[in-house]
């Protein structure tokens, strides 16, 4: 499995379960350093930012700092290595109540 496969799974599951469209951030000269891979809005208006890594990989310091700053502002801002990991976080936050 590649990182893009994890991203696709997360995007598909959140759309199917919550109707959330996660957008894929792209880099380039105007991209923000450290910004998460995926972003969207959860039901109720709370922002969600998801940085996706392969299992065993860690985020770069600027990615971790960016996520921490967003979380302090009230967003769900996380680094995950799988849909299962994100599903657990969203269940704890009260956004997912059933498993698929």
PDB file of N, CA and C in Angstrom:
ATOM      1  N   UNK A   1       0.842  -1.178   0.000  1.00  0.00           N
ATOM      2  CA  UNK A   1       0.000   0.000   0.000  1.00  0.00           C
ATOM      3  C   UNK A   1       0.889   1.243   0.000  1.00  0.00           C
ATOM      4  N   UNK A   2       0.480   2.223  -0.767  1.00  0.00           N
ATOM      5  CA  UNK A   2       1.210   3.479  -0.848  1.00  0.00           C
ATOM      6  C   UNK A   2       0.429   4.569  -0.123  1.00  0.00           C
ATOM      7  N   UNK A   3       1.100   5.692   0.136  1.00  0.00           N
ATOM      8  CA  UNK A   3       0.451   6.790   0.836  1.00  0.00           C
ATOM      9  C   UNK A   3      -0.798   7.257   0.093  1.00  0.00           C
ATOM     10  N   UNK A   4      -0.730   7.296  -1.212  1.00  0.00           N
ATOM     11  CA  UNK A   4      -1.898   7.746  -1.993  1.00  0.00           C
ATOM     12  C   UNK A   4      -3.096   6.823  -1.794  1.00  0.00           C
ATOM     13  N   UNK A   5      -2.847   5.528  -1.549  1.00  0.00           N
ATOM     14  CA  UNK A   5      -3.935   4.581  -1.285  1.00  0.00           C
ATOM     15  C   UNK A   5      -4.607   4.882   0.062  1.00  0.00           C
ATOM     16  N   UNK A   6      -3.801   5.267   1.054  1.00  0.00           N
ATOM     17  CA  UNK A   6      -4.342   5.634   2.359  1.00  0.00           C
ATOM     18  C   UNK A   6      -5.176   6.899   2.222  1.00  0.00           C
ATOM     19  N   UNK A   7      -4.667   7.880   1.480  1.00  0.00           N
ATOM     20  CA  UNK A   7      -5.387   9.135   1.243  1.00  0.00           C
ATOM     21  C   UNK A   7      -6.724   8.847   0.571  1.00  0.00           C
ATOM     22  N   UNK A   8      -6.717   8.011  -0.448  1.00  0.00           N
ATOM     23  CA  UNK A   8      -7.954   7.680  -1.171  1.00  0.00           C
ATOM     24  C   UNK A   8      -8.965   7.011  -0.241  1.00  0.00           C
ATOM     25  N   UNK A   9      -8.512   6.082   0.576  1.00  0.00           N
ATOM     26  CA  UNK A   9      -9.388   5.385   1.514  1.00  0.00           C
ATOM     27  C   UNK A   9     -10.016   6.373   2.501  1.00  0.00           C
ATOM     28  N   UNK A  10      -9.209   7.270   3.052  1.00  0.00           N
ATOM     29  CA  UNK A  10      -9.715   8.263   4.004  1.00  0.00           C
ATOM     30  C   UNK A  10     -10.741   9.159   3.344  1.00  0.00           C
ATOM     31  N   UNK A  11     -10.444   9.648   2.152  1.00  0.00           N
ATOM     32  CA  UNK A  11     -11.383  10.537   1.456  1.00  0.00           C
ATOM     33  C   UNK A  11     -12.695   9.815   1.160  1.00  0.00           C
ATOM     34  N   UNK A  12     -12.618   8.590   0.691  1.00  0.00           N
ATOM     35  CA  UNK A  12     -13.816   7.821   0.356  1.00  0.00           C
ATOM     36  C   UNK A  12     -14.650   7.536   1.599  1.00  0.00           C
ATOM     37  N   UNK A  13     -14.016   7.098   2.670  1.00  0.00           N
ATOM     38  CA  UNK A  13     -14.739   6.747   3.896  1.00  0.00           C
ATOM     39  C   UNK A  13     -15.441   7.963   4.502  1.00  0.00           C
ATOM     40  N   UNK A  14     -14.764   9.096   4.558  1.00  0.00           N
ATOM     41  CA  UNK A  14     -15.400  10.271   5.160  1.00  0.00           C
ATOM     42  C   UNK A  14     -16.545  10.792   4.298  1.00  0.00           C
ATOM     43  N   UNK A  15     -16.430  10.698   2.999  1.00  0.00           N
ATOM     44  CA  UNK A  15     -17.538  11.102   2.134  1.00  0.00           C
ATOM     45  C   UNK A  15     -18.714  10.154   2.327  1.00  0.00           C
ATOM     46  N   UNK A  16     -18.446   8.855   2.348  1.00  0.00           N
ATOM     47  CA  UNK A  16     -19.511   7.858   2.509  1.00  0.00           C
ATOM     48  C   UNK A  16     -20.188   7.963   3.875  1.00  0.00           C
ATOM     49  N   UNK A  17     -19.422   8.165   4.925  1.00  0.00           N
ATOM     50  CA  UNK A  17     -19.966   8.124   6.282  1.00  0.00           C
ATOM     51  C   UNK A  17     -20.565   9.440   6.756  1.00  0.00           C
ATOM     52  N   UNK A  18     -19.916  10.548   6.408  1.00  0.00           N
ATOM     53  CA  UNK A  18     -20.340  11.835   6.958  1.00  0.00           C
ATOM     54  C   UNK A  18     -20.708  12.864   5.889  1.00  0.00           C
ATOM     55  N   UNK A  19     -20.512  12.504   4.634  1.00  0.00           N
ATOM     56  CA  UNK A  19     -20.763  13.469   3.575  1.00  0.00           C
ATOM     57  C   UNK A  19     -19.691  14.536   3.485  1.00  0.00           C
ATOM     58  N   UNK A  20     -18.552  14.304   4.128  1.00  0.00           N
ATOM     59  CA  UNK A  20     -17.457  15.272   4.146  1.00  0.00           C
ATOM     60  C   UNK A  20     -16.589  15.088   2.907  1.00  0.00           C
ATOM     61  N   UNK A  21     -16.426  16.173   2.190  1.00  0.00           N
ATOM     62  CA  UNK A  21     -15.495  16.173   1.062  1.00  0.00           C
ATOM     63  C   UNK A  21     -14.162  16.704   1.570  1.00  0.00           C
ATOM     64  N   UNK A  22     -13.158  15.851   1.583  1.00  0.00           N
ATOM     65  CA  UNK A  22     -11.824  16.291   1.960  1.00  0.00           C
ATOM     66  C   UNK A  22     -11.101  16.720   0.701  1.00  0.00           C
ATOM     67  N   UNK A  23     -10.449  17.836   0.786  1.00  0.00           N
ATOM     68  CA  UNK A  23      -9.714  18.376  -0.350  1.00  0.00           C
ATOM     69  C   UNK A  23      -8.246  18.033  -0.194  1.00  0.00           C
ATOM     70  N   UNK A  24      -7.586  17.787  -1.300  1.00  0.00           N
ATOM     71  CA  UNK A  24      -6.166  17.441  -1.296  1.00  0.00           C
ATOM     72  C   UNK A  24      -5.362  18.699  -1.543  1.00  0.00           C
ATOM     73  N   UNK A  25      -4.523  19.041  -0.590  1.00  0.00           N
ATOM     74  CA  UNK A  25      -3.646  20.196  -0.742  1.00  0.00           C
ATOM     75  C   UNK A  25      -2.516  19.842  -1.705  1.00  0.00           C
ATOM     76  N   UNK A  26      -2.121  20.809  -2.484  1.00  0.00           N
ATOM     77  CA  UNK A  26      -0.995  20.605  -3.396  1.00  0.00           C
ATOM     78  C   UNK A  26       0.100  21.592  -3.040  1.00  0.00           C
ATOM     79  N   UNK A  27       1.304  21.210  -3.342  1.00  0.00           N
ATOM     80  CA  UNK A  27       2.453  22.066  -3.028  1.00  0.00           C
ATOM     81  C   UNK A  27       2.641  23.143  -4.071  1.00  0.00           C
ATOM     82  N   UNK A  28       3.852  23.283  -4.506  1.00  0.00           N
ATOM     83  CA  UNK A  28       4.156  24.309  -5.484  1.00  0.00           C
ATOM     84  C   UNK A  28       4.642  25.581  -4.820  1.00  0.00           C
ATOM     85  N   UNK A  29       4.929  26.589  -5.622  1.00  0.00           N
ATOM     86  CA  UNK A  29       5.524  27.813  -5.078  1.00  0.00           C
ATOM     87  C   UNK A  29       4.600  28.582  -4.143  1.00  0.00           C
ATOM     88  N   UNK A  30       3.292  28.357  -4.209  1.00  0.00           N
ATOM     89  CA  UNK A  30       2.367  29.098  -3.359  1.00  0.00           C
ATOM     90  C   UNK A  30       1.794  28.259  -2.215  1.00  0.00           C
ATOM     91  N   UNK A  31       2.234  27.022  -2.111  1.00  0.00           N
ATOM     92  CA  UNK A  31       1.778  26.162  -1.028  1.00  0.00           C
ATOM     93  C   UNK A  31       2.393  26.586   0.300  1.00  0.00           C
ATOM     94  N   UNK A  32       1.667  26.339   1.376  1.00  0.00           N
ATOM     95  CA  UNK A  32       2.151  26.693   2.714  1.00  0.00           C
ATOM     96  C   UNK A  32       2.991  25.554   3.271  1.00  0.00           C
ATOM     97  N   UNK A  33       4.177  25.868   3.739  1.00  0.00           N
ATOM     98  CA  UNK A  33       5.072  24.855   4.284  1.00  0.00           C
ATOM     99  C   UNK A  33       4.447  24.254   5.534  1.00  0.00           C
ATOM    100  N   UNK A  34       4.351  22.935   5.554  1.00  0.00           N
ATOM    101  CA  UNK A  34       3.819  22.228   6.710  1.00  0.00           C
ATOM    102  C   UNK A  34       2.329  21.967   6.667  1.00  0.00           C
ATOM    103  N   UNK A  35       1.605  22.589   5.713  1.00  0.00           N
ATOM    104  CA  UNK A  35       0.151  22.400   5.643  1.00  0.00           C
ATOM    105  C   UNK A  35      -0.179  20.925   5.427  1.00  0.00           C
ATOM    106  N   UNK A  36      -1.320  20.502   5.983  1.00  0.00           N
ATOM    107  CA  UNK A  36      -1.707  19.090   5.925  1.00  0.00           C
ATOM    108  C   UNK A  36      -2.086  18.660   4.511  1.00  0.00           C
ATOM    109  N   UNK A  37      -2.065  17.343   4.297  1.00  0.00           N
ATOM    110  CA  UNK A  37      -2.402  16.765   2.996  1.00  0.00           C
ATOM    111  C   UNK A  37      -3.868  16.977   2.642  1.00  0.00           C
ATOM    112  N   UNK A  38      -4.742  16.793   3.626  1.00  0.00           N
ATOM    113  CA  UNK A  38      -6.184  16.846   3.396  1.00  0.00           C
ATOM    114  C   UNK A  38      -6.824  17.860   4.327  1.00  0.00           C
ATOM    115  N   UNK A  39      -7.868  18.514   3.851  1.00  0.00           N
ATOM    116  CA  UNK A  39      -8.593  19.457   4.685  1.00  0.00           C
ATOM    117  C   UNK A  39     -10.054  19.492   4.282  1.00  0.00           C
ATOM    118  N   UNK A  40     -10.905  19.820   5.233  1.00  0.00           N
ATOM    119  CA  UNK A  40     -12.334  19.896   4.970  1.00  0.00           C
ATOM    120  C   UNK A  40     -13.067  20.415   6.187  1.00  0.00           C
ATOM    121  N   UNK A  41     -14.384  20.253   6.170  1.00  0.00           N
ATOM    122  CA  UNK A  41     -15.230  20.709   7.270  1.00  0.00           C
ATOM    123  C   UNK A  41     -16.129  19.571   7.712  1.00  0.00           C
ATOM    124  N   UNK A  42     -16.100  19.271   8.995  1.00  0.00           N
ATOM    125  CA  UNK A  42     -16.934  18.218   9.558  1.00  0.00           C
ATOM    126  C   UNK A  42     -18.354  18.739   9.774  1.00  0.00           C
ATOM    127  N   UNK A  43     -19.325  17.839   9.902  1.00  0.00           N
ATOM    128  CA  UNK A  43     -20.686  18.275  10.228  1.00  0.00           C
ATOM    129  C   UNK A  43     -20.661  19.162  11.477  1.00  0.00           C
ATOM    130  N   UNK A  44     -21.384  20.246  11.434  1.00  0.00           N
ATOM    131  CA  UNK A  44     -21.384  21.187  12.546  1.00  0.00           C
ATOM    132  C   UNK A  44     -20.400  22.334  12.356  1.00  0.00           C
ATOM    133  N   UNK A  45     -19.562  22.252  11.339  1.00  0.00           N
ATOM    134  CA  UNK A  45     -18.686  23.361  10.996  1.00  0.00           C
ATOM    135  C   UNK A  45     -17.256  23.289  11.485  1.00  0.00           C
ATOM    136  N   UNK A  46     -16.875  22.239  12.182  1.00  0.00           N
ATOM    137  CA  UNK A  46     -15.501  22.143  12.691  1.00  0.00           C
ATOM    138  C   UNK A  46     -14.549  21.752  11.561  1.00  0.00           C
ATOM    139  N   UNK A  47     -13.444  22.475  11.465  1.00  0.00           N
ATOM    140  CA  UNK A  47     -12.433  22.189  10.444  1.00  0.00           C
ATOM    141  C   UNK A  47     -11.707  20.889  10.777  1.00  0.00           C
ATOM    142  N   UNK A  48     -11.306  20.173   9.736  1.00  0.00           N
ATOM    143  CA  UNK A  48     -10.513  18.965   9.916  1.00  0.00           C
ATOM    144  C   UNK A  48      -9.315  19.025   8.971  1.00  0.00           C
ATOM    145  N   UNK A  49      -8.138  18.724   9.514  1.00  0.00           N
ATOM    146  CA  UNK A  49      -6.892  18.687   8.757  1.00  0.00           C
ATOM    147  C   UNK A  49      -6.236  17.339   9.025  1.00  0.00           C
ATOM    148  N   UNK A  50      -5.862  16.654   7.964  1.00  0.00           N
ATOM    149  CA  UNK A  50      -5.288  15.318   8.108  1.00  0.00           C
ATOM    150  C   UNK A  50      -3.973  15.250   7.340  1.00  0.00           C
ATOM    151  N   UNK A  51      -2.917  14.952   8.051  1.00  0.00           N
ATOM    152  CA  UNK A  51      -1.618  14.678   7.433  1.00  0.00           C
ATOM    153  C   UNK A  51      -1.487  13.164   7.381  1.00  0.00           C
ATOM    154  N   UNK A  52      -1.201  12.619   6.215  1.00  0.00           N
ATOM    155  CA  UNK A  52      -1.121  11.176   6.021  1.00  0.00           C
ATOM    156  C   UNK A  52       0.334  10.761   5.820  1.00  0.00           C
ATOM    157  N   UNK A  53       0.731   9.753   6.558  1.00  0.00           N
ATOM    158  CA  UNK A  53       2.071   9.179   6.434  1.00  0.00           C
ATOM    159  C   UNK A  53       1.960   7.670   6.325  1.00  0.00           C
ATOM    160  N   UNK A  54       2.979   7.067   5.779  1.00  0.00           N
ATOM    161  CA  UNK A  54       3.050   5.614   5.751  1.00  0.00           C
ATOM    162  C   UNK A  54       3.331   5.123   7.173  1.00  0.00           C
ATOM    163  N   UNK A  55       2.827   3.916   7.513  1.00  0.00           N
ATOM    164  CA  UNK A  55       3.105   3.371   8.845  1.00  0.00           C
ATOM    165  C   UNK A  55       4.606   3.402   9.153  1.00  0.00           C
ATOM    166  N   UNK A  56       4.930   3.837  10.352  1.00  0.00           N
ATOM    167  CA  UNK A  56       6.323   3.924  10.776  1.00  0.00           C
ATOM    168  C   UNK A  56       6.986   5.255  10.460  1.00  0.00           C
ATOM    169  N   UNK A  57       6.344   6.083   9.657  1.00  0.00           N
ATOM    170  CA  UNK A  57       6.902   7.387   9.299  1.00  0.00           C
ATOM    171  C   UNK A  57       6.349   8.460  10.222  1.00  0.00           C
ATOM    172  N   UNK A  58       7.132   9.507  10.439  1.00  0.00           N
ATOM    173  CA  UNK A  58       6.719  10.628  11.281  1.00  0.00           C
ATOM    174  C   UNK A  58       6.645  11.883  10.423  1.00  0.00           C
ATOM    175  N   UNK A  59       5.882  12.830  10.900  1.00  0.00           N
ATOM    176  CA  UNK A  59       5.788  14.099  10.206  1.00  0.00           C
ATOM    177  C   UNK A  59       7.042  14.939  10.395  1.00  0.00           C
ATOM    178  N   UNK A  60       7.321  15.793   9.423  1.00  0.00           N
ATOM    179  CA  UNK A  60       8.419  16.736   9.564  1.00  0.00           C
ATOM    180  C   UNK A  60       8.050  17.745  10.656  1.00  0.00           C
ATOM    181  N   UNK A  61       9.036  18.344  11.298  1.00  0.00           N
ATOM    182  CA  UNK A  61       8.740  19.297  12.377  1.00  0.00           C
ATOM    183  C   UNK A  61       7.764  20.398  11.965  1.00  0.00           C
ATOM    184  N   UNK A  62       7.892  20.917  10.756  1.00  0.00           N
ATOM    185  CA  UNK A  62       6.985  21.979  10.321  1.00  0.00           C
ATOM    186  C   UNK A  62       5.556  21.469  10.139  1.00  0.00           C
ATOM    187  N   UNK A  63       5.396  20.197   9.790  1.00  0.00           N
ATOM    188  CA  UNK A  63       4.059  19.609   9.678  1.00  0.00           C
ATOM    189  C   UNK A  63       3.426  19.441  11.056  1.00  0.00           C
ATOM    190  N   UNK A  64       4.194  18.951  11.991  1.00  0.00           N
ATOM    191  CA  UNK A  64       3.705  18.759  13.360  1.00  0.00           C
ATOM    192  C   UNK A  64       3.333  20.108  13.965  1.00  0.00           C
ATOM    193  N   UNK A  65       4.182  21.100  13.774  1.00  0.00           N
ATOM    194  CA  UNK A  65       3.901  22.446  14.299  1.00  0.00           C
ATOM    195  C   UNK A  65       2.618  23.000  13.684  1.00  0.00           C
ATOM    196  N   UNK A  66       2.440  22.838  12.387  1.00  0.00           N
ATOM    197  CA  UNK A  66       1.251  23.342  11.695  1.00  0.00           C
ATOM    198  C   UNK A  66      -0.007  22.688  12.266  1.00  0.00           C
ATOM    199  N   UNK A  67       0.016  21.371  12.429  1.00  0.00           N
ATOM    200  CA  UNK A  67      -1.137  20.659  12.991  1.00  0.00           C
ATOM    201  C   UNK A  67      -1.425  21.109  14.424  1.00  0.00           C
ATOM    202  N   UNK A  68      -0.392  21.267  15.222  1.00  0.00           N
ATOM    203  CA  UNK A  68      -0.579  21.720  16.606  1.00  0.00           C
ATOM    204  C   UNK A  68      -1.216  23.102  16.643  1.00  0.00           C
ATOM    205  N   UNK A  69      -0.787  23.999  15.763  1.00  0.00           N
ATOM    206  CA  UNK A  69      -1.344  25.354  15.725  1.00  0.00           C
ATOM    207  C   UNK A  69      -2.822  25.321  15.348  1.00  0.00           C
ATOM    208  N   UNK A  70      -3.195  24.481  14.390  1.00  0.00           N
ATOM    209  CA  UNK A  70      -4.596  24.369  13.985  1.00  0.00           C
ATOM    210  C   UNK A  70      -5.442  23.749  15.093  1.00  0.00           C
ATOM    211  N   UNK A  71      -4.893  22.751  15.771  1.00  0.00           N
ATOM    212  CA  UNK A  71      -5.622  22.109  16.871  1.00  0.00           C
ATOM    213  C   UNK A  71      -5.879  23.106  18.005  1.00  0.00           C
ATOM    214  N   UNK A  72      -4.928  23.966  18.278  1.00  0.00           N
ATOM    215  CA  UNK A  72      -5.109  24.984  19.320  1.00  0.00           C
ATOM    216  C   UNK A  72      -6.243  25.939  18.970  1.00  0.00           C
ATOM    217  N   UNK A  73      -6.520  26.103  17.684  1.00  0.00           N
ATOM    218  CA  UNK A  73      -7.604  26.979  17.236  1.00  0.00           C
ATOM    219  C   UNK A  73      -8.954  26.252  17.228  1.00  0.00           C
ATOM    220  N   UNK A  74      -8.955  24.950  17.546  1.00  0.00           N
ATOM    221  CA  UNK A  74     -10.199  24.202  17.651  1.00  0.00           C
ATOM    222  C   UNK A  74     -10.463  23.197  16.551  1.00  0.00           C
ATOM    223  N   UNK A  75      -9.562  23.086  15.596  1.00  0.00           N
ATOM    224  CA  UNK A  75      -9.743  22.126  14.511  1.00  0.00           C
ATOM    225  C   UNK A  75      -9.380  20.715  14.970  1.00  0.00           C
ATOM    226  N   UNK A  76      -9.918  19.731  14.274  1.00  0.00           N
ATOM    227  CA  UNK A  76      -9.424  18.369  14.402  1.00  0.00           C
ATOM    228  C   UNK A  76      -8.231  18.323  13.453  1.00  0.00           C
ATOM    229  N   UNK A  77      -7.035  18.274  13.988  1.00  0.00           N
ATOM    230  CA  UNK A  77      -5.819  18.335  13.180  1.00  0.00           C
ATOM    231  C   UNK A  77      -4.911  17.194  13.612  1.00  0.00           C
ATOM    232  N   UNK A  78      -4.760  16.200  12.728  1.00  0.00           N
ATOM    233  CA  UNK A  78      -4.096  14.965  13.123  1.00  0.00           C
ATOM    234  C   UNK A  78      -3.155  14.438  12.052  1.00  0.00           C
ATOM    235  N   UNK A  79      -2.190  13.661  12.505  1.00  0.00           N
ATOM    236  CA  UNK A  79      -1.310  12.907  11.630  1.00  0.00           C
ATOM    237  C   UNK A  79      -1.686  11.445  11.815  1.00  0.00           C
ATOM    238  N   UNK A  80      -2.022  10.774  10.717  1.00  0.00           N
ATOM    239  CA  UNK A  80      -2.439   9.375  10.794  1.00  0.00           C
ATOM    240  C   UNK A  80      -1.717   8.544   9.742  1.00  0.00           C
ATOM    241  N   UNK A  81      -1.723   7.227   9.981  1.00  0.00           N
ATOM    242  CA  UNK A  81      -1.110   6.305   9.028  1.00  0.00           C
ATOM    243  C   UNK A  81      -2.121   5.346   8.417  1.00  0.00           C
ATOM    244  N   UNK A  82      -3.417   5.527   8.774  1.00  0.00           N
ATOM    245  CA  UNK A  82      -4.440   4.645   8.224  1.00  0.00           C
ATOM    246  C   UNK A  82      -5.827   5.232   8.454  1.00  0.00           C
ATOM    247  N   UNK A  83      -6.800   4.685   7.707  1.00  0.00           N
ATOM    248  CA  UNK A  83      -8.196   5.052   7.942  1.00  0.00           C
ATOM    249  C   UNK A  83      -8.613   4.617   9.342  1.00  0.00           C
ATOM    250  N   UNK A  84      -8.183   3.448   9.768  1.00  0.00           N
ATOM    251  CA  UNK A  84      -8.561   2.942  11.086  1.00  0.00           C
ATOM    252  C   UNK A  84      -8.128   3.906  12.197  1.00  0.00           C
ATOM    253  N   UNK A  85      -6.947   4.469  12.060  1.00  0.00           N
ATOM    254  CA  UNK A  85      -6.449   5.419  13.057  1.00  0.00           C
ATOM    255  C   UNK A  85      -7.310   6.688  13.067  1.00  0.00           C
ATOM    256  N   UNK A  86      -7.635   7.219  11.899  1.00  0.00           N
ATOM    257  CA  UNK A  86      -8.488   8.403  11.826  1.00  0.00           C
ATOM    258  C   UNK A  86      -9.894   8.088  12.330  1.00  0.00           C
ATOM    259  N   UNK A  87     -10.397   6.916  11.991  1.00  0.00           N
ATOM    260  CA  UNK A  87     -11.726   6.500  12.443  1.00  0.00           C
ATOM    261  C   UNK A  87     -11.791   6.492  13.976  1.00  0.00           C
ATOM    262  N   UNK A  88     -10.760   5.998  14.624  1.00  0.00           N
ATOM    263  CA  UNK A  88     -10.704   5.976  16.087  1.00  0.00           C
ATOM    264  C   UNK A  88     -10.736   7.390  16.660  1.00  0.00           C
ATOM    265  N   UNK A  89      -9.972   8.287  16.071  1.00  0.00           N
ATOM    266  CA  UNK A  89      -9.931   9.676  16.529  1.00  0.00           C
ATOM    267  C   UNK A  89     -11.297  10.325  16.359  1.00  0.00           C
ATOM    268  N   UNK A  90     -11.915  10.151  15.202  1.00  0.00           N
ATOM    269  CA  UNK A  90     -13.218  10.770  14.949  1.00  0.00           C
ATOM    270  C   UNK A  90     -14.310  10.152  15.813  1.00  0.00           C
ATOM    271  N   UNK A  91     -14.190   8.881  16.136  1.00  0.00           N
ATOM    272  CA  UNK A  91     -15.143   8.242  17.045  1.00  0.00           C
ATOM    273  C   UNK A  91     -15.022   8.842  18.438  1.00  0.00           C
ATOM    274  N   UNK A  92     -13.802   9.032  18.892  1.00  0.00           N
ATOM    275  CA  UNK A  92     -13.554   9.637  20.196  1.00  0.00           C
ATOM    276  C   UNK A  92     -14.101  11.064  20.248  1.00  0.00           C
ATOM    277  N   UNK A  93     -14.003  11.779  19.139  1.00  0.00           N
ATOM    278  CA  UNK A  93     -14.487  13.162  19.048  1.00  0.00           C
ATOM    279  C   UNK A  93     -16.014  13.216  18.890  1.00  0.00           C
ATOM    280  N   UNK A  94     -16.641  12.064  18.662  1.00  0.00           N
ATOM    281  CA  UNK A  94     -18.094  12.018  18.544  1.00  0.00           C
ATOM    282  C   UNK A  94     -18.635  12.170  17.130  1.00  0.00           C
ATOM    283  N   UNK A  95     -17.780  12.082  16.126  1.00  0.00           N
ATOM    284  CA  UNK A  95     -18.240  12.235  14.749  1.00  0.00           C
ATOM    285  C   UNK A  95     -18.632  10.908  14.114  1.00  0.00           C
ATOM    286  N   UNK A  96     -18.059   9.829  14.540  1.00  0.00           N
ATOM    287  CA  UNK A  96     -18.423   8.503  14.015  1.00  0.00           C
ATOM    288  C   UNK A  96     -18.918   7.664  15.172  1.00  0.00           C
ATOM    289  N   UNK A  97     -20.108   7.118  15.009  1.00  0.00           N
ATOM    290  CA  UNK A  97     -20.678   6.321  16.092  1.00  0.00           C
ATOM    291  C   UNK A  97     -20.837   4.868  15.721  1.00  0.00           C
ATOM    292  N   UNK A  98     -20.703   4.550  14.453  1.00  0.00           N
ATOM    293  CA  UNK A  98     -20.797   3.159  14.024  1.00  0.00           C
ATOM    294  C   UNK A  98     -19.613   2.829  13.143  1.00  0.00           C
ATOM    295  N   UNK A  99     -19.259   1.569  13.110  1.00  0.00           N
ATOM    296  CA  UNK A  99     -18.170   1.122  12.235  1.00  0.00           C
ATOM    297  C   UNK A  99     -18.759   0.526  10.979  1.00  0.00           C
ATOM    298  N   UNK A 100     -17.991   0.576   9.945  1.00  0.00           N
ATOM    299  CA  UNK A 100     -18.443   0.065   8.642  1.00  0.00           C
ATOM    300  C   UNK A 100     -17.650  -1.170   8.300  1.00  0.00           C
TER     301      UNK A 100
END
